[in-house]
Protein backbone atom coordinates (compact mmCIF):
# COMPACT_ATOMS: atom_id res chain seq x y z
CA MET A 1 0.00 0.00 0.00
CA THR A 2 1.31 3.46 -0.92
CA ALA A 3 1.35 6.06 1.85
CA ALA A 4 -0.44 9.33 1.20
CA VAL A 5 1.82 12.24 0.32
CA PRO A 6 1.39 15.20 2.70
CA GLN A 7 -0.15 18.18 0.92
CA GLU A 8 2.96 20.31 1.50
CA ASP A 9 5.04 17.67 -0.32
CA ARG A 10 2.82 17.70 -3.43
CA PHE A 11 3.79 19.59 -6.54
CA GLN A 12 2.20 20.41 -9.88
CA VAL A 13 3.72 20.63 -13.32
CA VAL A 14 3.36 24.08 -14.89
CA ILE A 15 4.10 25.43 -18.36
CA ASN A 16 4.64 28.93 -19.75
CA HIS A 17 3.93 30.57 -23.13
CA GLU A 18 7.31 29.35 -24.43
CA GLU A 19 6.27 25.75 -23.63
CA GLN A 20 8.92 25.48 -20.93
CA TYR A 21 8.05 23.29 -17.94
CA SER A 22 8.65 23.64 -14.22
CA VAL A 23 7.33 22.38 -10.89
CA TRP A 24 5.41 24.47 -8.40
CA PRO A 25 3.89 23.63 -5.01
CA ALA A 26 0.43 22.14 -5.55
CA THR A 27 -1.03 24.29 -2.80
CA GLY A 28 -0.15 27.58 -4.50
CA GLU A 29 -1.09 29.43 -7.63
CA PRO A 30 1.70 29.42 -10.22
CA PRO A 31 3.40 32.76 -10.87
CA ALA A 32 2.16 35.06 -13.61
CA GLY A 33 2.78 33.60 -17.05
CA TRP A 34 2.63 29.97 -15.88
CA ARG A 35 -0.34 27.59 -15.92
CA PRO A 36 -0.89 24.08 -14.55
CA VAL A 37 -0.85 21.21 -17.04
CA GLY A 38 -2.93 18.94 -14.81
CA TYR A 39 -0.19 16.69 -13.42
CA THR A 40 0.48 16.58 -9.66
CA GLY A 41 2.55 14.35 -7.42
CA THR A 42 5.79 14.33 -5.50
CA ARG A 43 8.58 16.56 -6.77
CA GLU A 44 10.31 13.49 -8.18
CA ASP A 45 7.11 12.32 -9.92
CA CYS A 46 6.65 15.75 -11.50
CA LEU A 47 10.27 15.93 -12.65
CA GLY A 48 9.89 12.46 -14.18
CA HIS A 49 6.76 13.58 -16.03
CA ILE A 50 8.58 16.65 -17.35
CA GLU A 51 11.46 14.48 -18.53
CA GLN A 52 9.00 12.36 -20.54
CA VAL A 53 7.02 15.19 -22.16
CA TRP A 54 9.59 17.98 -22.60
CA THR A 55 11.69 16.42 -25.31
CA ASP A 56 12.76 19.68 -27.03
CA ILE A 57 13.87 22.36 -24.58
CA THR A 58 14.10 25.00 -27.31
CA PRO A 59 11.69 27.85 -26.49
CA LYS A 60 8.57 27.94 -28.72
CA SER A 61 9.43 31.38 -30.17
CA VAL A 62 12.82 30.07 -31.35
CA ARG A 63 11.24 26.94 -32.85
CA ASP A 64 8.66 29.10 -34.64
CA ARG A 65 11.37 31.39 -36.07
CA ALA A 66 13.40 28.40 -37.23
CA ALA A 67 10.31 26.99 -38.95
CA GLY A 68 9.78 30.31 -40.75
CA SER A 69 6.54 31.21 -38.99
CA THR A 70 5.85 34.30 -36.97
CA PRO A 71 3.57 34.24 -33.93
């Protein structure tokens, strides 16, 4: 049986407009410019999730410029 994680030890995965990821305490609102992606867990769980989904760390604006599109 898995023990419950205390609320203060829970984190959420957040993303910004450049599609860069970070972790933020689950009990708080992310800072301006960041929004939750819907994944919560321990810090290690969240970092593992980020490692799986954030495969290109190039900011979105740079990827868009390289592709020849303008936002």
